[in-house]
Protein backbone atom coordinates (compact mmCIF):
# COMPACT_ATOMS: atom_id res chain seq x y z
CA UNK A 1 -3.81 -22.73 -4.06
CA UNK A 2 -7.33 -22.24 -4.24
CA UNK A 3 -9.01 -25.39 -5.05
CA UNK A 4 -10.90 -26.52 -8.54
CA UNK A 5 -14.44 -26.97 -6.63
CA UNK A 6 -14.02 -23.50 -5.44
CA UNK A 7 -13.27 -21.62 -8.05
CA UNK A 8 -16.18 -23.34 -9.84
CA UNK A 9 -18.75 -22.15 -7.16
CA UNK A 10 -17.34 -18.76 -7.44
CA UNK A 11 -17.50 -18.43 -11.30
CA UNK A 12 -21.42 -19.78 -11.33
CA UNK A 13 -22.28 -17.12 -8.51
CA UNK A 14 -20.37 -14.12 -10.64
CA UNK A 15 -21.55 -15.27 -13.88
CA UNK A 16 -25.42 -15.70 -12.06
CA UNK A 17 -24.58 -12.06 -10.73
CA UNK A 18 -23.82 -10.76 -13.91
CA UNK A 19 -26.87 -12.03 -15.85
CA UNK A 20 -29.13 -10.94 -13.15
CA UNK A 21 -28.03 -7.28 -13.65
CA UNK A 22 -28.08 -7.74 -17.33
CA UNK A 23 -32.00 -9.24 -17.47
CA UNK A 24 -33.44 -6.90 -14.17
CA UNK A 25 -34.94 -3.99 -16.11
CA UNK A 26 -33.33 -0.43 -14.84
CA UNK A 27 -33.92 2.49 -15.02
CA UNK A 28 -31.45 5.47 -15.24
CA UNK A 29 -28.18 4.16 -13.68
CA UNK A 30 -27.37 4.75 -9.81
CA UNK A 31 -23.78 3.70 -8.44
CA UNK A 32 -24.27 1.50 -5.59
CA UNK A 33 -22.49 2.70 -2.69
CA UNK A 34 -19.61 0.13 -1.47
CA UNK A 35 -21.58 -2.11 1.04
CA UNK A 36 -19.97 -3.35 4.41
CA UNK A 37 -17.53 -6.20 3.43
CA UNK A 38 -18.91 -9.83 4.25
CA UNK A 39 -17.93 -12.01 7.40
CA UNK A 40 -15.06 -14.20 7.33
CA UNK A 41 -16.92 -17.25 7.76
CA UNK A 42 -19.86 -15.99 4.90
CA UNK A 43 -17.53 -15.76 2.41
CA UNK A 44 -15.44 -18.88 3.47
CA UNK A 45 -18.28 -21.27 3.36
CA UNK A 46 -19.57 -19.86 0.16
CA UNK A 47 -16.08 -20.58 -1.33
CA UNK A 48 -16.08 -24.27 0.00
CA UNK A 49 -14.11 -23.53 3.48
CA UNK A 50 -11.05 -22.41 1.18
CA UNK A 51 -9.71 -18.60 2.76
CA UNK A 52 -7.70 -17.99 -0.57
CA UNK A 53 -10.85 -18.41 -2.71
CA UNK A 54 -12.32 -16.17 -0.52
CA UNK A 55 -9.85 -13.24 -0.70
CA UNK A 56 -9.99 -14.18 -4.22
CA UNK A 57 -13.43 -13.12 -4.76
CA UNK A 58 -13.42 -10.14 -2.78
CA UNK A 59 -10.64 -8.83 -4.56
CA UNK A 60 -12.70 -8.77 -7.53
CA UNK A 61 -15.66 -7.60 -6.28
CA UNK A 62 -14.34 -4.87 -5.04
CA UNK A 63 -12.50 -4.75 -8.15
CA UNK A 64 -15.37 -4.11 -9.82
CA UNK A 65 -17.24 -2.12 -7.80
CA UNK A 66 -15.69 1.31 -9.43
CA UNK A 67 -17.29 0.57 -12.46
CA UNK A 68 -20.37 -0.14 -12.16
CA UNK A 69 -22.84 -0.86 -15.25
CA UNK A 70 -23.33 2.87 -17.15
CA UNK A 71 -21.81 4.40 -13.57
CA UNK A 72 -18.14 4.18 -13.62
CA UNK A 73 -17.17 5.35 -9.67
CA UNK A 74 -14.13 7.24 -9.44
CA UNK A 75 -11.85 6.02 -6.51
CA UNK A 76 -12.18 9.41 -4.61
CA UNK A 77 -16.01 9.05 -4.41
CA UNK A 78 -15.72 5.70 -2.65
CA UNK A 79 -16.40 5.29 1.27
CA UNK A 80 -12.82 5.07 2.58
CA UNK A 81 -14.51 3.57 5.44
CA UNK A 82 -16.03 0.88 4.20
CA UNK A 83 -13.24 0.46 1.51
CA UNK A 84 -10.45 0.12 4.48
CA UNK A 85 -12.83 -2.75 5.95
CA UNK A 86 -13.07 -4.33 2.65
CA UNK A 87 -8.97 -4.55 2.52
CA UNK A 88 -8.86 -5.42 5.81
CA UNK A 89 -10.82 -8.57 5.48
CA UNK A 90 -8.95 -9.70 2.55
CA UNK A 91 -6.12 -9.26 4.02
CA UNK A 92 -7.36 -11.48 7.26
CA UNK A 93 -8.04 -14.10 4.80
CA UNK A 94 -5.18 -13.90 2.86
CA UNK A 95 -2.30 -12.40 4.62
CA UNK A 96 0.40 -13.48 2.24
CA UNK A 97 -1.41 -11.79 -0.94
CA UNK A 98 -0.12 -8.46 -2.22
CA UNK A 99 -3.32 -7.12 -3.24
CA UNK A 100 -4.66 -4.90 -0.49
CA UNK A 101 -1.63 -3.29 0.59
CA UNK A 102 -0.27 -2.22 -3.10
CA UNK A 103 -3.77 -1.39 -3.86
CA UNK A 104 -4.30 0.98 -0.73
CA UNK A 105 -1.14 2.34 -1.49
CA UNK A 106 -1.08 2.11 -5.68
CA UNK A 107 -4.41 2.85 -6.41
CA UNK A 108 -6.22 4.46 -3.42
CA UNK A 109 -3.78 5.96 -1.94
CA UNK A 110 -3.23 8.38 -5.17
CA UNK A 111 -6.21 9.88 -5.14
CA UNK A 112 -6.17 14.13 -5.34
CA UNK A 113 -7.75 14.08 -1.46
CA UNK A 114 -5.50 14.29 1.47
CA UNK A 115 -7.31 13.03 4.02
CA UNK A 116 -8.12 9.97 1.70
CA UNK A 117 -4.67 9.73 0.64
CA UNK A 118 -3.69 9.68 4.80
CA UNK A 119 -5.92 7.10 5.60
CA UNK A 120 -4.88 4.94 2.73
CA UNK A 121 -0.97 5.55 3.44
CA UNK A 122 -1.57 5.13 7.57
CA UNK A 123 -3.37 1.96 7.20
CA UNK A 124 -0.87 0.38 4.92
CA UNK A 125 2.20 1.55 7.74
CA UNK A 126 -0.12 0.09 10.25
CA UNK A 127 -0.19 -3.32 8.58
CA UNK A 128 3.42 -3.37 7.34
CA UNK A 129 4.36 -4.00 11.12
CA UNK A 130 3.27 -7.30 11.17
CA UNK A 131 5.34 -8.89 8.22
CA UNK A 132 7.69 -6.61 7.72
CA UNK A 133 10.07 -8.40 5.23
CA UNK A 134 7.42 -8.81 3.17
CA UNK A 135 5.33 -6.47 2.82
CA UNK A 136 8.01 -3.47 2.85
CA UNK A 137 6.79 -2.90 -1.00
CA UNK A 138 3.63 -1.35 -0.13
CA UNK A 139 5.16 0.92 2.59
CA UNK A 140 8.36 1.88 0.83
CA UNK A 141 5.46 3.09 -2.16
CA UNK A 142 3.84 4.85 0.99
CA UNK A 143 7.03 6.84 1.65
CA UNK A 144 7.29 8.08 -2.23
CA UNK A 145 3.17 9.12 -2.32
CA UNK A 146 3.74 10.77 1.47
CA UNK A 147 6.85 12.71 0.21
CA UNK A 148 5.66 13.48 -3.50
CA UNK A 149 1.91 13.22 -3.18
CA UNK A 150 1.46 15.12 0.01
CA UNK A 151 4.50 16.56 0.57
CA UNK A 152 4.80 15.87 3.25
CA UNK A 153 8.39 14.97 4.32
CA UNK A 154 8.10 14.42 7.73
CA UNK A 155 5.56 11.49 7.45
CA UNK A 156 7.37 10.08 4.30
CA UNK A 157 10.46 10.07 7.14
CA UNK A 158 8.38 8.08 9.62
CA UNK A 159 7.39 5.41 7.36
CA UNK A 160 11.25 5.42 5.79
CA UNK A 161 12.27 4.94 9.46
CA UNK A 162 10.09 1.93 9.91
CA UNK A 163 11.58 0.46 6.75
CA UNK A 164 14.99 0.93 8.39
CA UNK A 165 14.06 -0.70 11.67
CA UNK A 166 12.10 -3.90 10.62
CA UNK A 167 12.37 -4.91 6.68
CA UNK A 168 15.65 -6.28 8.00
CA UNK A 169 15.84 -9.47 5.24
CA UNK A 170 17.54 -10.53 3.42
CA UNK A 171 15.61 -10.27 0.28
CA UNK A 172 15.09 -6.49 1.50
CA UNK A 173 17.31 -4.07 -1.15
CA UNK A 174 19.87 -2.19 0.25
CA UNK A 175 17.71 1.04 -0.85
CA UNK A 176 14.97 0.49 1.29
CA UNK A 177 16.85 1.03 4.50
CA UNK A 178 18.78 3.82 3.14
CA UNK A 179 15.56 5.64 1.95
CA UNK A 180 16.18 7.61 5.85
CA UNK A 181 19.28 8.92 5.07
CA UNK A 182 18.25 10.71 1.42
CA UNK A 183 15.05 12.10 3.33
CA UNK A 184 16.91 14.06 5.93
CA UNK A 185 19.63 15.09 3.78
CA UNK A 186 16.92 16.60 1.92
CA UNK A 187 15.63 18.14 4.42
CA UNK A 188 18.20 19.77 5.77
CA UNK A 189 19.35 17.63 8.80
CA UNK A 190 22.46 16.47 7.30
CA UNK A 191 24.23 16.19 10.50
CA UNK A 192 21.02 13.27 11.31
CA UNK A 193 21.50 11.84 8.11
CA UNK A 194 25.36 11.04 8.66
CA UNK A 195 25.08 9.63 12.63
CA UNK A 196 22.48 7.30 10.79
CA UNK A 197 24.97 6.53 7.81
CA UNK A 198 27.61 5.56 10.45
CA UNK A 199 25.13 3.58 12.42
CA UNK A 200 23.97 1.72 9.21
CA UNK A 201 27.63 1.16 8.30
CA UNK A 202 28.67 0.04 11.85
CA UNK A 203 25.79 -2.47 11.86
CA UNK A 204 26.47 -4.18 8.83
CA UNK A 205 23.76 -3.38 7.29
CA UNK A 206 25.63 -1.18 4.20
CA UNK A 207 28.18 -3.80 2.65
CA UNK A 208 28.82 -2.36 -0.45
CA UNK A 209 31.67 -0.10 -0.94
CA UNK A 210 29.60 1.89 -3.78
CA UNK A 211 26.16 2.48 -1.90
CA UNK A 212 28.32 3.91 1.47
CA UNK A 213 30.44 6.20 -1.38
CA UNK A 214 27.19 7.05 -2.87
CA UNK A 215 25.58 7.97 0.15
CA UNK A 216 28.75 9.62 1.63
CA UNK A 217 29.07 11.82 -1.81
CA UNK A 218 24.78 12.75 -1.26
CA UNK A 219 25.28 14.00 2.13
CA UNK A 220 28.31 15.91 0.96
CA UNK A 221 26.43 17.29 -1.85
CA UNK A 222 23.32 18.47 0.36
CA UNK A 223 25.71 20.37 2.66
CA UNK A 224 26.81 22.38 0.13
CA UNK A 225 23.55 22.83 -1.74
CA UNK A 226 21.59 26.49 -1.67
CA UNK A 227 18.87 26.76 1.46
CA UNK A 228 15.74 25.21 0.57
CA UNK A 229 12.32 24.85 2.56
CA UNK A 230 11.76 21.17 4.12
CA UNK A 231 8.97 19.11 2.38
CA UNK A 232 9.38 20.59 -0.92
CA UNK A 233 10.21 17.74 -3.80
CA UNK A 234 13.35 17.17 -5.32
């Protein structure tokens, strides 16, 4: 929980920044580049030693950067190296906070630029390993973006395989563990999908008979469907 005193400092700091920007004479508005994030010690000290308050302050600053006074900045025009450093720093301050990874996959990872998309999705995948049972939603969305946004079924399968192997907690929905099977079926690899389905059934990861029947029917349908090119969205 963020301490009230820390929130007061943050609110006053933000209010002062807004007032200064309002009173300062400006010529033609120009977008400012995203600078390197503040160090952990500096931002934590500014929030009276409260790392959660520091993380929330950095969230606010980052969210406001794309809507500078008079100069909206599209996500794809951001410096993604600096953006990744900001998200990494916020995650360092608040490892349990969902914002950095969900922003990476849902906001910054859906720009119409394949290099920037891939950078954000790989960032989510890298950070997922540290806490898979808490961070699986961001990687599941990254798999969706890889498949339907990048049209990269192989990359989507890499993410889905990580979800199957590592997101094994009781709070993880069954469909998360089954993503890889469906991807294999759509990649014209029903044999591999059947082997994986059998392994999940044998290991007890699929216990609902209805889910097992659905997956078996989905595989059977993929074997009977006309040939299609791997990597195409369905």
